[in-house]
Protein backbone atom coordinates (compact mmCIF):
# COMPACT_ATOMS: atom_id res chain seq x y z
CA UNK A 1 102.02 225.14 -20.61
CA UNK A 2 98.66 223.24 -20.53
CA UNK A 3 99.36 220.83 -17.46
CA UNK A 4 97.74 217.51 -20.25
CA UNK A 5 99.64 219.15 -23.40
CA UNK A 6 103.45 220.17 -21.33
CA UNK A 7 104.49 216.13 -23.07
CA UNK A 8 104.37 217.01 -26.17
CA UNK A 9 107.27 217.92 -27.86
CA UNK A 10 105.46 217.40 -32.19
CA UNK A 11 103.02 219.53 -33.04
CA UNK A 12 101.24 218.34 -36.44
CA UNK A 13 98.26 220.19 -37.88
CA UNK A 14 95.27 219.60 -40.78
CA UNK A 15 94.73 222.52 -43.17
CA UNK A 16 91.58 223.57 -44.37
CA UNK A 17 89.74 225.51 -41.63
CA UNK A 18 91.71 224.49 -38.94
CA UNK A 19 94.89 227.24 -39.70
CA UNK A 20 92.66 229.71 -41.24
CA UNK A 21 88.94 230.26 -40.04
CA UNK A 22 85.95 227.83 -41.74
CA UNK A 23 83.70 231.31 -42.70
CA UNK A 24 86.93 231.54 -44.83
CA UNK A 25 85.30 228.84 -46.64
CA UNK A 26 87.51 227.79 -49.23
CA UNK A 27 85.79 224.63 -49.39
CA UNK A 28 83.18 226.90 -51.78
CA UNK A 29 85.52 227.93 -54.30
CA UNK A 30 87.16 223.66 -54.41
CA UNK A 31 83.24 222.91 -54.54
CA UNK A 32 83.28 224.45 -57.80
CA UNK A 33 85.70 222.98 -60.00
CA UNK A 34 84.69 219.20 -58.06
CA UNK A 35 81.92 219.50 -59.57
CA UNK A 36 83.39 221.52 -63.23
CA UNK A 37 85.39 217.35 -63.19
CA UNK A 38 82.72 215.34 -62.25
CA UNK A 39 80.41 216.59 -64.66
CA UNK A 40 83.07 216.76 -67.92
CA UNK A 41 84.75 212.56 -66.10
CA UNK A 42 80.44 211.19 -65.89
CA UNK A 43 79.03 213.94 -68.03
CA UNK A 44 76.61 214.64 -65.97
CA UNK A 45 74.31 217.63 -65.08
CA UNK A 46 76.03 219.99 -62.11
CA UNK A 47 73.12 217.98 -59.91
CA UNK A 48 74.13 214.84 -60.31
CA UNK A 49 77.75 215.96 -60.61
CA UNK A 50 77.31 217.34 -56.36
CA UNK A 51 75.45 214.66 -55.29
CA UNK A 52 78.37 212.26 -56.46
CA UNK A 53 81.02 214.05 -54.89
CA UNK A 54 78.77 214.68 -51.44
CA UNK A 55 78.29 210.81 -51.56
CA UNK A 56 81.91 209.91 -52.75
CA UNK A 57 83.48 212.36 -49.39
CA UNK A 58 81.39 211.06 -46.62
CA UNK A 59 82.11 206.97 -47.69
CA UNK A 60 85.96 207.52 -48.44
CA UNK A 61 87.42 210.54 -47.27
CA UNK A 62 87.91 212.23 -49.78
CA UNK A 63 85.75 213.11 -53.08
CA UNK A 64 89.39 211.89 -55.04
CA UNK A 65 89.62 208.93 -52.99
CA UNK A 66 85.90 208.53 -54.64
CA UNK A 67 86.77 208.84 -58.28
CA UNK A 68 89.57 206.94 -58.49
CA UNK A 69 88.32 203.65 -56.20
CA UNK A 70 85.04 204.58 -58.36
CA UNK A 71 87.04 205.92 -61.59
CA UNK A 72 90.42 205.01 -61.78
CA UNK A 73 91.09 208.74 -62.51
CA UNK A 74 94.47 209.82 -62.49
CA UNK A 75 94.79 211.83 -58.86
CA UNK A 76 97.32 214.26 -60.40
CA UNK A 77 95.30 215.83 -63.30
CA UNK A 78 92.15 216.14 -60.51
CA UNK A 79 94.76 217.86 -57.63
CA UNK A 80 95.82 220.64 -60.34
CA UNK A 81 92.71 221.45 -61.70
CA UNK A 82 91.23 221.43 -58.11
CA UNK A 83 93.58 223.70 -56.02
CA UNK A 84 93.35 226.41 -58.89
CA UNK A 85 91.55 228.44 -56.44
CA UNK A 86 91.76 232.04 -55.71
CA UNK A 87 93.29 232.36 -52.69
CA UNK A 88 91.84 235.75 -51.52
CA UNK A 89 89.66 234.95 -48.30
CA UNK A 90 92.55 234.15 -46.44
CA UNK A 91 93.45 237.03 -44.22
CA UNK A 92 97.21 236.74 -41.88
CA UNK A 93 96.28 236.46 -38.15
CA UNK A 94 99.45 237.70 -36.90
CA UNK A 95 98.70 236.14 -33.32
CA UNK A 96 97.85 232.70 -34.28
CA UNK A 97 101.69 232.85 -36.17
CA UNK A 98 103.73 234.65 -33.59
CA UNK A 99 102.08 231.17 -31.02
CA UNK A 100 102.30 228.60 -33.83
CA UNK A 101 106.19 230.01 -33.76
CA UNK A 102 106.36 229.81 -30.19
CA UNK A 103 105.24 226.31 -30.22
CA UNK A 104 108.03 224.07 -28.19
CA UNK A 105 109.38 221.37 -31.09
CA UNK A 106 108.46 220.27 -33.98
CA UNK A 107 105.72 221.68 -35.87
CA UNK A 108 103.99 219.13 -39.28
CA UNK A 109 101.14 219.74 -41.52
CA UNK A 110 99.53 216.30 -42.73
CA UNK A 111 96.52 217.08 -44.73
CA UNK A 112 94.49 215.53 -46.96
CA UNK A 113 95.60 218.13 -49.40
CA UNK A 114 98.12 217.80 -52.40
CA UNK A 115 102.15 219.55 -51.05
CA UNK A 116 101.97 222.05 -53.86
CA UNK A 117 98.05 223.52 -52.77
CA UNK A 118 99.00 222.82 -49.33
CA UNK A 119 102.23 225.64 -49.52
CA UNK A 120 100.38 228.07 -51.38
CA UNK A 121 97.58 228.31 -48.88
CA UNK A 122 100.70 228.19 -45.64
CA UNK A 123 103.02 231.34 -47.64
CA UNK A 124 99.41 233.55 -47.82
CA UNK A 125 98.89 233.24 -44.57
CA UNK A 126 101.99 234.09 -43.11
CA UNK A 127 103.28 230.73 -42.69
CA UNK A 128 105.25 229.75 -45.18
CA UNK A 129 108.65 228.80 -42.89
CA UNK A 130 106.78 227.88 -39.95
CA UNK A 131 106.48 224.27 -40.27
CA UNK A 132 108.74 221.55 -40.77
CA UNK A 133 107.18 218.89 -44.19
CA UNK A 134 103.63 219.13 -45.46
CA UNK A 135 101.96 214.87 -44.93
CA UNK A 136 100.04 215.20 -47.99
CA UNK A 137 97.23 212.47 -50.15
CA UNK A 138 100.65 211.77 -51.48
CA UNK A 139 102.58 210.88 -49.14
CA UNK A 140 99.92 208.76 -47.66
CA UNK A 141 99.87 206.72 -50.83
CA UNK A 142 96.52 208.04 -51.98
CA UNK A 143 95.03 206.83 -49.01
CA UNK A 144 93.43 210.20 -46.91
CA UNK A 145 92.79 210.79 -43.36
CA UNK A 146 90.53 208.99 -41.33
CA UNK A 147 92.47 205.89 -42.91
CA UNK A 148 94.89 204.82 -40.00
CA UNK A 149 98.05 204.38 -42.51
CA UNK A 150 98.48 207.70 -43.26
CA UNK A 151 98.88 208.46 -39.32
CA UNK A 152 101.22 204.63 -39.33
CA UNK A 153 102.88 206.72 -42.44
CA UNK A 154 103.66 210.10 -40.43
CA UNK A 155 104.87 208.68 -38.02
CA UNK A 156 107.65 206.19 -38.90
CA UNK A 157 108.26 208.08 -42.34
CA UNK A 158 108.97 210.09 -39.85
CA UNK A 159 110.32 209.61 -37.05
CA UNK A 160 107.20 210.65 -34.41
CA UNK A 161 106.36 208.98 -31.60
CA UNK A 162 102.50 209.37 -31.20
CA UNK A 163 102.72 209.72 -27.09
CA UNK A 164 104.15 212.48 -27.80
CA UNK A 165 101.37 214.03 -30.70
CA UNK A 166 98.50 216.60 -30.89
CA UNK A 167 96.97 216.46 -33.56
CA UNK A 168 94.76 219.70 -34.43
CA UNK A 169 91.98 219.03 -37.10
CA UNK A 170 88.40 220.65 -37.78
CA UNK A 171 86.82 217.26 -38.78
CA UNK A 172 86.51 214.63 -35.37
CA UNK A 173 86.60 212.00 -37.95
CA UNK A 174 89.94 212.52 -38.55
CA UNK A 175 91.04 212.56 -34.79
CA UNK A 176 89.39 209.73 -33.89
CA UNK A 177 92.26 207.00 -35.37
CA UNK A 178 94.42 209.69 -33.83
CA UNK A 179 93.77 208.68 -30.86
CA UNK A 180 94.06 205.16 -31.61
CA UNK A 181 98.07 205.32 -32.02
CA UNK A 182 98.40 207.91 -28.95
CA UNK A 183 98.17 211.46 -29.68
CA UNK A 184 96.42 213.94 -27.96
CA UNK A 185 93.63 215.34 -30.52
CA UNK A 186 92.27 218.78 -30.72
CA UNK A 187 89.32 219.29 -32.12
CA UNK A 188 89.14 222.66 -33.93
CA UNK A 189 85.24 222.93 -33.90
CA UNK A 190 84.63 226.25 -35.77
CA UNK A 191 81.67 225.00 -38.59
CA UNK A 192 83.44 222.83 -41.27
CA UNK A 193 80.69 221.17 -42.66
CA UNK A 194 80.40 218.02 -41.89
CA UNK A 195 83.77 218.67 -38.70
CA UNK A 196 81.19 216.87 -36.61
CA UNK A 197 80.26 213.80 -38.75
CA UNK A 198 80.68 210.02 -36.24
CA UNK A 199 82.34 213.07 -33.20
CA UNK A 200 82.49 211.30 -30.02
CA UNK A 201 84.77 212.40 -26.83
CA UNK A 202 86.10 208.90 -26.82
CA UNK A 203 88.77 210.69 -29.22
CA UNK A 204 88.06 214.07 -28.29
CA UNK A 205 90.80 215.78 -25.77
CA UNK A 206 90.33 218.80 -26.62
CA UNK A 207 87.96 220.79 -28.23
CA UNK A 208 87.69 224.70 -29.58
CA UNK A 209 86.10 226.80 -32.14
CA UNK A 210 88.74 228.43 -32.36
CA UNK A 211 92.82 228.36 -32.39
CA UNK A 212 94.75 231.27 -31.63
CA UNK A 213 93.17 231.89 -27.95
CA UNK A 214 93.27 227.73 -27.04
CA UNK A 215 97.03 228.61 -28.10
CA UNK A 216 97.39 231.41 -26.44
CA UNK A 217 96.53 229.20 -22.94
CA UNK A 218 97.98 226.43 -23.66
CA UNK A 219 101.46 228.80 -23.66
CA UNK A 220 100.33 230.57 -20.95
CA UNK A 221 100.55 234.23 -23.44
């Protein structure tokens, strides 16, 4: 294995635009659902709904967090609605799946989505049995990445030593708290919307535009 990652015994992966290419653009489908939800909630037109959605995402980490903060919505209703999308855009990457299975130690998902949605994505990708657990927005008590509390909960509840963990994430800003607690950080810079927001090399150890060859390199395969 690549020397700088030889110490890692826990491999933590973001879900969307990390385990599949950003060009699959599931978020385009979710964007439509979010807009519909906000229009219904606020009684506004599509333009205002979209502006609200994007502002809440940038200011609060997720649109959900902004809606909870400003409008007191029930998170379960929102999550069920916006995640009711087709998975047809996702394709199995057999090489990626082999590499993930070959990683020594524990493998976990840490996502701002919910576990039901994450399980559907993983099943479509052929990764349904590849991960020990999904640490989702419910487990984070609806406080999304990059708030440090979710990272602390992940490590405390699941007995993770962050100094022996690696975190893969397409949103650069979500790597800052991981690095702060000692994780090795890998930015999957593959074209996600606002993926480079607040990017800084101080909290990014590695950068790749595609997870499959990166894992092949660290495994020496």
